[in-house]
Amino acid sequence: MQWLWDKISTFFVELFEKVLGWLLDLALWLPKKLWGAILDGLATLIEKIPVPEFLANAGSFFDQIPTGVVFFMQYFAVAEGLSMVTVALLLRFIVRRLPVIG
């Protein structure tokens, strides 16, 4: 009779462990799924913003730059430098808005 009780108790312990594992997986999966849905909604919202007209015509403005200036801008990596400075300023702006740091 003891072996039957051991089998039954082992079955329920394993079942309880499986249910707890499932609940843990659900608790870890749910925030990821919600965060993904929020980011998808935000991306859709940003994609709905129309492009300003002056940005749509920006290519024609850059075509008017003389070739000598373009050569030196490429030589000194002005495009990469401007993007780094822009990212640094944006990061500084964001960090200054954090209540603990800024």
PDB file of N, CA and C in Angstrom:
ATOM      1  N   MET A   1       0.810  -1.193   0.000  1.00  0.00           N
ATOM      2  CA  MET A   1       0.000   0.000   0.000  1.00  0.00           C
ATOM      3  C   MET A   1       0.856   1.262   0.000  1.00  0.00           C
ATOM      4  N   GLN A   2       2.033   1.193   0.612  1.00  0.00           N
ATOM      5  CA  GLN A   2       2.939   2.338   0.677  1.00  0.00           C
ATOM      6  C   GLN A   2       3.437   2.714  -0.721  1.00  0.00           C
ATOM      7  N   TRP A   3       3.738   1.727  -1.563  1.00  0.00           N
ATOM      8  CA  TRP A   3       4.225   2.015  -2.901  1.00  0.00           C
ATOM      9  C   TRP A   3       3.173   2.732  -3.736  1.00  0.00           C
ATOM     10  N   LEU A   4       1.889   2.413  -3.521  1.00  0.00           N
ATOM     11  CA  LEU A   4       0.815   3.101  -4.230  1.00  0.00           C
ATOM     12  C   LEU A   4       0.741   4.565  -3.802  1.00  0.00           C
ATOM     13  N   TRP A   5       0.847   4.780  -2.514  1.00  0.00           N
ATOM     14  CA  TRP A   5       0.831   6.149  -1.997  1.00  0.00           C
ATOM     15  C   TRP A   5       2.037   6.939  -2.535  1.00  0.00           C
ATOM     16  N   ASP A   6       3.205   6.307  -2.622  1.00  0.00           N
ATOM     17  CA  ASP A   6       4.391   6.964  -3.167  1.00  0.00           C
ATOM     18  C   ASP A   6       4.201   7.320  -4.639  1.00  0.00           C
ATOM     19  N   LYS A   7       3.606   6.435  -5.396  1.00  0.00           N
ATOM     20  CA  LYS A   7       3.351   6.708  -6.818  1.00  0.00           C
ATOM     21  C   LYS A   7       2.375   7.871  -6.987  1.00  0.00           C
ATOM     22  N   ILE A   8       1.314   7.886  -6.203  1.00  0.00           N
ATOM     23  CA  ILE A   8       0.309   8.946  -6.290  1.00  0.00           C
ATOM     24  C   ILE A   8       0.913  10.275  -5.876  1.00  0.00           C
ATOM     25  N   SER A   9       1.668  10.291  -4.788  1.00  0.00           N
ATOM     26  CA  SER A   9       2.274  11.542  -4.328  1.00  0.00           C
ATOM     27  C   SER A   9       3.315  12.041  -5.334  1.00  0.00           C
ATOM     28  N   THR A  10       4.088  11.144  -5.919  1.00  0.00           N
ATOM     29  CA  THR A  10       5.061  11.530  -6.939  1.00  0.00           C
ATOM     30  C   THR A  10       4.361  12.117  -8.156  1.00  0.00           C
ATOM     31  N   PHE A  11       3.245  11.506  -8.557  1.00  0.00           N
ATOM     32  CA  PHE A  11       2.477  12.020  -9.690  1.00  0.00           C
ATOM     33  C   PHE A  11       2.001  13.443  -9.426  1.00  0.00           C
ATOM     34  N   PHE A  12       1.442  13.697  -8.242  1.00  0.00           N
ATOM     35  CA  PHE A  12       0.931  15.035  -7.940  1.00  0.00           C
ATOM     36  C   PHE A  12       2.053  16.056  -7.758  1.00  0.00           C
ATOM     37  N   VAL A  13       3.188  15.645  -7.229  1.00  0.00           N
ATOM     38  CA  VAL A  13       4.322  16.563  -7.098  1.00  0.00           C
ATOM     39  C   VAL A  13       4.835  16.961  -8.479  1.00  0.00           C
ATOM     40  N   GLU A  14       4.971  15.993  -9.377  1.00  0.00           N
ATOM     41  CA  GLU A  14       5.419  16.290 -10.737  1.00  0.00           C
ATOM     42  C   GLU A  14       4.405  17.165 -11.473  1.00  0.00           C
ATOM     43  N   LEU A  15       3.118  16.890 -11.269  1.00  0.00           N
ATOM     44  CA  LEU A  15       2.076  17.709 -11.874  1.00  0.00           C
ATOM     45  C   LEU A  15       2.141  19.144 -11.353  1.00  0.00           C
ATOM     46  N   PHE A  16       2.340  19.301 -10.062  1.00  0.00           N
ATOM     47  CA  PHE A  16       2.452  20.624  -9.456  1.00  0.00           C
ATOM     48  C   PHE A  16       3.672  21.368 -10.008  1.00  0.00           C
ATOM     49  N   GLU A  17       4.798  20.664 -10.170  1.00  0.00           N
ATOM     50  CA  GLU A  17       5.997  21.288 -10.722  1.00  0.00           C
ATOM     51  C   GLU A  17       5.784  21.716 -12.168  1.00  0.00           C
ATOM     52  N   LYS A  18       5.080  20.900 -12.942  1.00  0.00           N
ATOM     53  CA  LYS A  18       4.803  21.253 -14.330  1.00  0.00           C
ATOM     54  C   LYS A  18       3.884  22.468 -14.425  1.00  0.00           C
ATOM     55  N   VAL A  19       2.885  22.524 -13.545  1.00  0.00           N
ATOM     56  CA  VAL A  19       1.974  23.675 -13.546  1.00  0.00           C
ATOM     57  C   VAL A  19       2.728  24.937 -13.147  1.00  0.00           C
ATOM     58  N   LEU A  20       3.596  24.851 -12.144  1.00  0.00           N
ATOM     59  CA  LEU A  20       4.386  26.014 -11.751  1.00  0.00           C
ATOM     60  C   LEU A  20       5.337  26.438 -12.866  1.00  0.00           C
ATOM     61  N   GLY A  21       5.928  25.478 -13.565  1.00  0.00           N
ATOM     62  CA  GLY A  21       6.785  25.811 -14.698  1.00  0.00           C
ATOM     63  C   GLY A  21       6.011  26.505 -15.809  1.00  0.00           C
ATOM     64  N   TRP A  22       4.805  26.032 -16.052  1.00  0.00           N
ATOM     65  CA  TRP A  22       3.960  26.671 -17.065  1.00  0.00           C
ATOM     66  C   TRP A  22       3.598  28.090 -16.659  1.00  0.00           C
ATOM     67  N   LEU A  23       3.262  28.294 -15.391  1.00  0.00           N
ATOM     68  CA  LEU A  23       2.935  29.638 -14.912  1.00  0.00           C
ATOM     69  C   LEU A  23       4.140  30.568 -15.007  1.00  0.00           C
ATOM     70  N   LEU A  24       5.324  30.048 -14.710  1.00  0.00           N
ATOM     71  CA  LEU A  24       6.535  30.857 -14.845  1.00  0.00           C
ATOM     72  C   LEU A  24       6.774  31.226 -16.306  1.00  0.00           C
ATOM     73  N   ASP A  25       6.616  30.279 -17.214  1.00  0.00           N
ATOM     74  CA  ASP A  25       6.772  30.570 -18.636  1.00  0.00           C
ATOM     75  C   ASP A  25       5.755  31.618 -19.094  1.00  0.00           C
ATOM     76  N   LEU A  26       4.522  31.518 -18.599  1.00  0.00           N
ATOM     77  CA  LEU A  26       3.501  32.501 -18.941  1.00  0.00           C
ATOM     78  C   LEU A  26       3.863  33.869 -18.397  1.00  0.00           C
ATOM     79  N   ALA A  27       4.368  33.916 -17.172  1.00  0.00           N
ATOM     80  CA  ALA A  27       4.747  35.194 -16.566  1.00  0.00           C
ATOM     81  C   ALA A  27       5.915  35.840 -17.305  1.00  0.00           C
ATOM     82  N   LEU A  28       6.771  35.041 -17.905  1.00  0.00           N
ATOM     83  CA  LEU A  28       7.879  35.598 -18.676  1.00  0.00           C
ATOM     84  C   LEU A  28       7.479  35.934 -20.109  1.00  0.00           C
ATOM     85  N   TRP A  29       6.526  35.197 -20.672  1.00  0.00           N
ATOM     86  CA  TRP A  29       6.105  35.396 -22.056  1.00  0.00           C
ATOM     87  C   TRP A  29       5.178  36.599 -22.205  1.00  0.00           C
ATOM     88  N   LEU A  30       4.297  36.800 -21.248  1.00  0.00           N
ATOM     89  CA  LEU A  30       3.279  37.843 -21.358  1.00  0.00           C
ATOM     90  C   LEU A  30       3.869  39.246 -21.474  1.00  0.00           C
ATOM     91  N   PRO A  31       4.838  39.657 -20.632  1.00  0.00           N
ATOM     92  CA  PRO A  31       5.400  41.007 -20.814  1.00  0.00           C
ATOM     93  C   PRO A  31       6.109  41.181 -22.154  1.00  0.00           C
ATOM     94  N   LYS A  32       6.777  40.136 -22.648  1.00  0.00           N
ATOM     95  CA  LYS A  32       7.424  40.229 -23.956  1.00  0.00           C
ATOM     96  C   LYS A  32       6.400  40.454 -25.058  1.00  0.00           C
ATOM     97  N   LYS A  33       5.297  39.723 -24.975  1.00  0.00           N
ATOM     98  CA  LYS A  33       4.252  39.848 -25.992  1.00  0.00           C
ATOM     99  C   LYS A  33       3.610  41.239 -25.940  1.00  0.00           C
ATOM    100  N   LEU A  34       3.339  41.735 -24.738  1.00  0.00           N
ATOM    101  CA  LEU A  34       2.753  43.066 -24.597  1.00  0.00           C
ATOM    102  C   LEU A  34       3.707  44.140 -25.100  1.00  0.00           C
ATOM    103  N   TRP A  35       4.986  44.029 -24.753  1.00  0.00           N
ATOM    104  CA  TRP A  35       5.972  45.008 -25.201  1.00  0.00           C
ATOM    105  C   TRP A  35       6.089  44.992 -26.729  1.00  0.00           C
ATOM    106  N   GLY A  36       6.047  43.803 -27.325  1.00  0.00           N
ATOM    107  CA  GLY A  36       6.077  43.706 -28.777  1.00  0.00           C
ATOM    108  C   GLY A  36       4.864  44.360 -29.420  1.00  0.00           C
ATOM    109  N   ALA A  37       3.695  44.173 -28.816  1.00  0.00           N
ATOM    110  CA  ALA A  37       2.482  44.796 -29.350  1.00  0.00           C
ATOM    111  C   ALA A  37       2.547  46.316 -29.223  1.00  0.00           C
ATOM    112  N   ILE A  38       3.076  46.805 -28.117  1.00  0.00           N
ATOM    113  CA  ILE A  38       3.210  48.258 -27.930  1.00  0.00           C
ATOM    114  C   ILE A  38       4.169  48.837 -28.958  1.00  0.00           C
ATOM    115  N   LEU A  39       5.307  48.172 -29.176  1.00  0.00           N
ATOM    116  CA  LEU A  39       6.273  48.678 -30.147  1.00  0.00           C
ATOM    117  C   LEU A  39       5.745  48.598 -31.579  1.00  0.00           C
ATOM    118  N   ASP A  40       4.982  47.561 -31.897  1.00  0.00           N
ATOM    119  CA  ASP A  40       4.366  47.480 -33.224  1.00  0.00           C
ATOM    120  C   ASP A  40       3.373  48.621 -33.438  1.00  0.00           C
ATOM    121  N   GLY A  41       2.585  48.914 -32.414  1.00  0.00           N
ATOM    122  CA  GLY A  41       1.647  50.025 -32.509  1.00  0.00           C
ATOM    123  C   GLY A  41       2.355  51.355 -32.660  1.00  0.00           C
ATOM    124  N   LEU A  42       3.455  51.534 -31.932  1.00  0.00           N
ATOM    125  CA  LEU A  42       4.225  52.764 -32.035  1.00  0.00           C
ATOM    126  C   LEU A  42       4.855  52.901 -33.416  1.00  0.00           C
ATOM    127  N   ALA A  43       5.363  51.797 -33.961  1.00  0.00           N
ATOM    128  CA  ALA A  43       5.942  51.832 -35.305  1.00  0.00           C
ATOM    129  C   ALA A  43       4.880  52.177 -36.347  1.00  0.00           C
ATOM    130  N   THR A  44       3.700  51.621 -36.191  1.00  0.00           N
ATOM    131  CA  THR A  44       2.612  51.942 -37.114  1.00  0.00           C
ATOM    132  C   THR A  44       2.236  53.418 -37.018  1.00  0.00           C
ATOM    133  N   LEU A  45       2.200  53.928 -35.802  1.00  0.00           N
ATOM    134  CA  LEU A  45       1.872  55.343 -35.603  1.00  0.00           C
ATOM    135  C   LEU A  45       2.919  56.240 -36.244  1.00  0.00           C
ATOM    136  N   ILE A  46       4.190  55.906 -36.079  1.00  0.00           N
ATOM    137  CA  ILE A  46       5.260  56.720 -36.663  1.00  0.00           C
ATOM    138  C   ILE A  46       5.235  56.640 -38.187  1.00  0.00           C
ATOM    139  N   GLU A  47       4.897  55.476 -38.724  1.00  0.00           N
ATOM    140  CA  GLU A  47       4.828  55.342 -40.178  1.00  0.00           C
ATOM    141  C   GLU A  47       3.688  56.156 -40.781  1.00  0.00           C
ATOM    142  N   LYS A  48       2.670  56.454 -40.010  1.00  0.00           N
ATOM    143  CA  LYS A  48       1.528  57.231 -40.505  1.00  0.00           C
ATOM    144  C   LYS A  48       1.836  58.726 -40.605  1.00  0.00           C
ATOM    145  N   ILE A  49       2.930  59.189 -39.966  1.00  0.00           N
ATOM    146  CA  ILE A  49       3.285  60.608 -40.019  1.00  0.00           C
ATOM    147  C   ILE A  49       3.783  60.930 -41.426  1.00  0.00           C
ATOM    148  N   PRO A  50       3.215  61.936 -42.069  1.00  0.00           N
ATOM    149  CA  PRO A  50       3.646  62.251 -43.437  1.00  0.00           C
ATOM    150  C   PRO A  50       5.035  62.897 -43.444  1.00  0.00           C
ATOM    151  N   VAL A  51       5.771  62.651 -44.534  1.00  0.00           N
ATOM    152  CA  VAL A  51       7.101  63.225 -44.699  1.00  0.00           C
ATOM    153  C   VAL A  51       6.950  64.689 -45.091  1.00  0.00           C
ATOM    154  N   PRO A  52       7.668  65.605 -44.411  1.00  0.00           N
ATOM    155  CA  PRO A  52       7.591  67.014 -44.801  1.00  0.00           C
ATOM    156  C   PRO A  52       8.083  67.223 -46.234  1.00  0.00           C
ATOM    157  N   GLU A  53       7.560  68.245 -46.865  1.00  0.00           N
ATOM    158  CA  GLU A  53       7.865  68.476 -48.266  1.00  0.00           C
ATOM    159  C   GLU A  53       9.333  68.832 -48.485  1.00  0.00           C
ATOM    160  N   PHE A  54       9.932  69.568 -47.552  1.00  0.00           N
ATOM    161  CA  PHE A  54      11.332  69.962 -47.747  1.00  0.00           C
ATOM    162  C   PHE A  54      12.267  68.755 -47.638  1.00  0.00           C
ATOM    163  N   LEU A  55      11.859  67.718 -46.905  1.00  0.00           N
ATOM    164  CA  LEU A  55      12.687  66.512 -46.840  1.00  0.00           C
ATOM    165  C   LEU A  55      12.535  65.669 -48.099  1.00  0.00           C
ATOM    166  N   ALA A  56      11.374  65.711 -48.704  1.00  0.00           N
ATOM    167  CA  ALA A  56      11.163  64.959 -49.938  1.00  0.00           C
ATOM    168  C   ALA A  56      12.022  65.532 -51.067  1.00  0.00           C
ATOM    169  N   ASN A  57      12.318  66.840 -51.004  1.00  0.00           N
ATOM    170  CA  ASN A  57      13.117  67.496 -52.038  1.00  0.00           C
ATOM    171  C   ASN A  57      14.582  67.643 -51.636  1.00  0.00           C
ATOM    172  N   ALA A  58      15.027  66.977 -50.585  1.00  0.00           N
ATOM    173  CA  ALA A  58      16.392  67.155 -50.085  1.00  0.00           C
ATOM    174  C   ALA A  58      17.430  66.661 -51.088  1.00  0.00           C
ATOM    175  N   GLY A  59      17.104  65.672 -51.886  1.00  0.00           N
ATOM    176  CA  GLY A  59      18.060  65.165 -52.864  1.00  0.00           C
ATOM    177  C   GLY A  59      18.490  66.212 -53.865  1.00  0.00           C
ATOM    178  N   SER A  60      17.581  67.060 -54.273  1.00  0.00           N
ATOM    179  CA  SER A  60      17.941  68.095 -55.240  1.00  0.00           C
ATOM    180  C   SER A  60      18.847  69.150 -54.606  1.00  0.00           C
ATOM    181  N   PHE A  61      18.728  69.371 -53.312  1.00  0.00           N
ATOM    182  CA  PHE A  61      19.608  70.330 -52.645  1.00  0.00           C
ATOM    183  C   PHE A  61      21.039  69.803 -52.571  1.00  0.00           C
ATOM    184  N   PHE A  62      21.190  68.512 -52.315  1.00  0.00           N
ATOM    185  CA  PHE A  62      22.525  67.944 -52.218  1.00  0.00           C
ATOM    186  C   PHE A  62      23.190  67.803 -53.583  1.00  0.00           C
ATOM    187  N   ASP A  63      22.421  67.762 -54.641  1.00  0.00           N
ATOM    188  CA  ASP A  63      23.003  67.690 -55.982  1.00  0.00           C
ATOM    189  C   ASP A  63      23.684  69.001 -56.375  1.00  0.00           C
ATOM    190  N   GLN A  64      23.353  70.089 -55.716  1.00  0.00           N
ATOM    191  CA  GLN A  64      23.916  71.397 -56.048  1.00  0.00           C
ATOM    192  C   GLN A  64      25.254  71.661 -55.363  1.00  0.00           C
ATOM    193  N   ILE A  65      25.727  70.773 -54.499  1.00  0.00           N
ATOM    194  CA  ILE A  65      27.012  70.950 -53.825  1.00  0.00           C
ATOM    195  C   ILE A  65      28.121  70.658 -54.829  1.00  0.00           C
ATOM    196  N   PRO A  66      29.133  71.544 -54.908  1.00  0.00           N
ATOM    197  CA  PRO A  66      30.231  71.316 -55.865  1.00  0.00           C
ATOM    198  C   PRO A  66      31.015  70.038 -55.550  1.00  0.00           C
ATOM    199  N   THR A  67      31.620  69.459 -56.587  1.00  0.00           N
ATOM    200  CA  THR A  67      32.317  68.186 -56.416  1.00  0.00           C
ATOM    201  C   THR A  67      33.537  68.308 -55.509  1.00  0.00           C
ATOM    202  N   GLY A  68      34.212  69.461 -55.517  1.00  0.00           N
ATOM    203  CA  GLY A  68      35.365  69.655 -54.639  1.00  0.00           C
ATOM    204  C   GLY A  68      34.968  69.624 -53.171  1.00  0.00           C
ATOM    205  N   VAL A  69      33.829  70.210 -52.863  1.00  0.00           N
ATOM    206  CA  VAL A  69      33.336  70.207 -51.482  1.00  0.00           C
ATOM    207  C   VAL A  69      32.927  68.788 -51.078  1.00  0.00           C
ATOM    208  N   VAL A  70      32.298  68.075 -51.977  1.00  0.00           N
ATOM    209  CA  VAL A  70      31.879  66.704 -51.698  1.00  0.00           C
ATOM    210  C   VAL A  70      33.101  65.819 -51.445  1.00  0.00           C
ATOM    211  N   PHE A  71      34.188  66.037 -52.234  1.00  0.00           N
ATOM    212  CA  PHE A  71      35.403  65.247 -52.038  1.00  0.00           C
ATOM    213  C   PHE A  71      35.950  65.435 -50.628  1.00  0.00           C
ATOM    214  N   PHE A  72      36.058  66.671 -50.182  1.00  0.00           N
ATOM    215  CA  PHE A  72      36.609  66.915 -48.853  1.00  0.00           C
ATOM    216  C   PHE A  72      35.652  66.484 -47.740  1.00  0.00           C
ATOM    217  N   MET A  73      34.362  66.572 -47.997  1.00  0.00           N
ATOM    218  CA  MET A  73      33.399  66.091 -46.994  1.00  0.00           C
ATOM    219  C   MET A  73      33.523  64.579 -46.830  1.00  0.00           C
ATOM    220  N   GLN A  74      33.733  63.864 -47.922  1.00  0.00           N
ATOM    221  CA  GLN A  74      33.932  62.417 -47.827  1.00  0.00           C
ATOM    222  C   GLN A  74      35.283  62.093 -47.211  1.00  0.00           C
ATOM    223  N   TYR A  75      36.315  62.872 -47.544  1.00  0.00           N
ATOM    224  CA  TYR A  75      37.654  62.623 -47.007  1.00  0.00           C
ATOM    225  C   TYR A  75      37.683  62.797 -45.488  1.00  0.00           C
ATOM    226  N   PHE A  76      37.012  63.816 -44.988  1.00  0.00           N
ATOM    227  CA  PHE A  76      36.993  64.074 -43.550  1.00  0.00           C
ATOM    228  C   PHE A  76      35.819  63.393 -42.845  1.00  0.00           C
ATOM    229  N   ALA A  77      35.061  62.564 -43.538  1.00  0.00           N
ATOM    230  CA  ALA A  77      33.948  61.788 -42.987  1.00  0.00           C
ATOM    231  C   ALA A  77      32.954  62.679 -42.247  1.00  0.00           C
ATOM    232  N   VAL A  78      32.541  63.734 -42.918  1.00  0.00           N
ATOM    233  CA  VAL A  78      31.607  64.691 -42.313  1.00  0.00           C
ATOM    234  C   VAL A  78      30.264  64.028 -42.029  1.00  0.00           C
ATOM    235  N   ALA A  79      29.789  63.149 -42.908  1.00  0.00           N
ATOM    236  CA  ALA A  79      28.488  62.506 -42.698  1.00  0.00           C
ATOM    237  C   ALA A  79      28.498  61.649 -41.440  1.00  0.00           C
ATOM    238  N   GLU A  80      29.560  60.863 -41.250  1.00  0.00           N
ATOM    239  CA  GLU A  80      29.652  60.029 -40.051  1.00  0.00           C
ATOM    240  C   GLU A  80      29.783  60.882 -38.801  1.00  0.00           C
ATOM    241  N   GLY A  81      30.565  61.946 -38.891  1.00  0.00           N
ATOM    242  CA  GLY A  81      30.731  62.832 -37.741  1.00  0.00           C
ATOM    243  C   GLY A  81      29.438  63.515 -37.347  1.00  0.00           C
ATOM    244  N   LEU A  82      28.689  63.980 -38.347  1.00  0.00           N
ATOM    245  CA  LEU A  82      27.407  64.623 -38.037  1.00  0.00           C
ATOM    246  C   LEU A  82      26.430  63.645 -37.414  1.00  0.00           C
ATOM    247  N   SER A  83      26.423  62.402 -37.899  1.00  0.00           N
ATOM    248  CA  SER A  83      25.509  61.422 -37.306  1.00  0.00           C
ATOM    249  C   SER A  83      25.917  61.107 -35.869  1.00  0.00           C
ATOM    250  N   MET A  84      27.228  61.032 -35.590  1.00  0.00           N
ATOM    251  CA  MET A  84      27.676  60.785 -34.214  1.00  0.00           C
ATOM    252  C   MET A  84      27.311  61.938 -33.287  1.00  0.00           C
ATOM    253  N   VAL A  85      27.502  63.147 -33.760  1.00  0.00           N
ATOM    254  CA  VAL A  85      27.159  64.316 -32.944  1.00  0.00           C
ATOM    255  C   VAL A  85      25.654  64.367 -32.693  1.00  0.00           C
ATOM    256  N   THR A  86      24.867  64.060 -33.704  1.00  0.00           N
ATOM    257  CA  THR A  86      23.414  64.069 -33.546  1.00  0.00           C
ATOM    258  C   THR A  86      22.967  63.024 -32.530  1.00  0.00           C
ATOM    259  N   VAL A  87      23.524  61.825 -32.610  1.00  0.00           N
ATOM    260  CA  VAL A  87      23.170  60.772 -31.658  1.00  0.00           C
ATOM    261  C   VAL A  87      23.608  61.157 -30.255  1.00  0.00           C
ATOM    262  N   ALA A  88      24.793  61.765 -30.126  1.00  0.00           N
ATOM    263  CA  ALA A  88      25.270  62.180 -28.804  1.00  0.00           C
ATOM    264  C   ALA A  88      24.361  63.242 -28.203  1.00  0.00           C
ATOM    265  N   LEU A  89      23.940  64.207 -29.005  1.00  0.00           N
ATOM    266  CA  LEU A  89      23.034  65.244 -28.495  1.00  0.00           C
ATOM    267  C   LEU A  89      21.674  64.668 -28.119  1.00  0.00           C
ATOM    268  N   LEU A  90      21.170  63.740 -28.917  1.00  0.00           N
ATOM    269  CA  LEU A  90      19.903  63.103 -28.607  1.00  0.00           C
ATOM    270  C   LEU A  90      20.008  62.283 -27.331  1.00  0.00           C
ATOM    271  N   LEU A  91      21.090  61.545 -27.169  1.00  0.00           N
ATOM    272  CA  LEU A  91      21.303  60.763 -25.954  1.00  0.00           C
ATOM    273  C   LEU A  91      21.420  61.671 -24.740  1.00  0.00           C
ATOM    274  N   ARG A  92      22.123  62.780 -24.877  1.00  0.00           N
ATOM    275  CA  ARG A  92      22.225  63.741 -23.773  1.00  0.00           C
ATOM    276  C   ARG A  92      20.850  64.287 -23.407  1.00  0.00           C
ATOM    277  N   PHE A  93      20.042  64.588 -24.408  1.00  0.00           N
ATOM    278  CA  PHE A  93      18.691  65.086 -24.157  1.00  0.00           C
ATOM    279  C   PHE A  93      17.862  64.059 -23.393  1.00  0.00           C
ATOM    280  N   ILE A  94      17.959  62.801 -23.796  1.00  0.00           N
ATOM    281  CA  ILE A  94      17.184  61.747 -23.139  1.00  0.00           C
ATOM    282  C   ILE A  94      17.672  61.524 -21.717  1.00  0.00           C
ATOM    283  N   VAL A  95      18.996  61.500 -21.518  1.00  0.00           N
ATOM    284  CA  VAL A  95      19.544  61.249 -20.183  1.00  0.00           C
ATOM    285  C   VAL A  95      19.198  62.385 -19.235  1.00  0.00           C
ATOM    286  N   ARG A  96      19.163  63.602 -19.734  1.00  0.00           N
ATOM    287  CA  ARG A  96      18.833  64.729 -18.860  1.00  0.00           C
ATOM    288  C   ARG A  96      17.382  64.675 -18.395  1.00  0.00           C
ATOM    289  N   ARG A  97      16.551  63.911 -19.081  1.00  0.00           N
ATOM    290  CA  ARG A  97      15.144  63.796 -18.703  1.00  0.00           C
ATOM    291  C   ARG A  97      14.913  62.712 -17.649  1.00  0.00           C
ATOM    292  N   LEU A  98      15.910  61.875 -17.380  1.00  0.00           N
ATOM    293  CA  LEU A  98      15.766  60.829 -16.360  1.00  0.00           C
ATOM    294  C   LEU A  98      15.821  61.482 -14.983  1.00  0.00           C
ATOM    295  N   PRO A  99      14.864  61.191 -14.125  1.00  0.00           N
ATOM    296  CA  PRO A  99      14.823  61.884 -12.827  1.00  0.00           C
ATOM    297  C   PRO A  99      15.992  61.535 -11.907  1.00  0.00           C
ATOM    298  N   VAL A 100      16.550  60.355 -12.029  1.00  0.00           N
ATOM    299  CA  VAL A 100      17.639  59.947 -11.137  1.00  0.00           C
ATOM    300  C   VAL A 100      18.966  60.576 -11.561  1.00  0.00           C
ATOM    301  N   ILE A 101      19.190  60.670 -12.876  1.00  0.00           N
ATOM    302  CA  ILE A 101      20.481  61.146 -13.389  1.00  0.00           C
ATOM    303  C   ILE A 101      20.462  62.649 -13.658  1.00  0.00           C
ATOM    304  N   GLY A 102      19.438  63.122 -14.386  1.00  0.00           N
ATOM    305  CA  GLY A 102      19.406  64.505 -14.841  1.00  0.00           C
ATOM    306  C   GLY A 102      19.110  65.455 -13.754  1.00  0.00           C
TER     307      GLY A 102
END
